[in-house]
């Protein structure tokens, strides 16, 4: 049975007290794969091999090697079935046609306005 709960209740019951059998929540933070190395995080996931991959990722700057390490980490998570990924939330943006520089597809969960201007 799926029981909907308010966010405050989810934070207390699931996130803080880890009292759940299954939870459905929107994890929308990009590049937060390191959370799986935290043994006290609400997943309570432990895998030394995964942690080693993330440690390597954290000290690697070569883009190709980073992609390979991220892929390896994701493969471990998928094999261990830590989470079930249902879908990715859509990003909907509507703005005046004279506003230029907004990201059409956001790689991060923020509205970066550093490159935005008004085109008259």
Foldseek 3Di string as FASTA:
>chain_A
DDDDDDPVCCCVQQFPVLPDDDDDDDDQFPPVLVVLPDCSGSLNHDDVVLVVLVVVLVPDDPVVSNVVSVVVNVVVCVVVCSDDDDDHDDDDDDDDPQKDDWDPDDPGPDTDCPRIDGHD
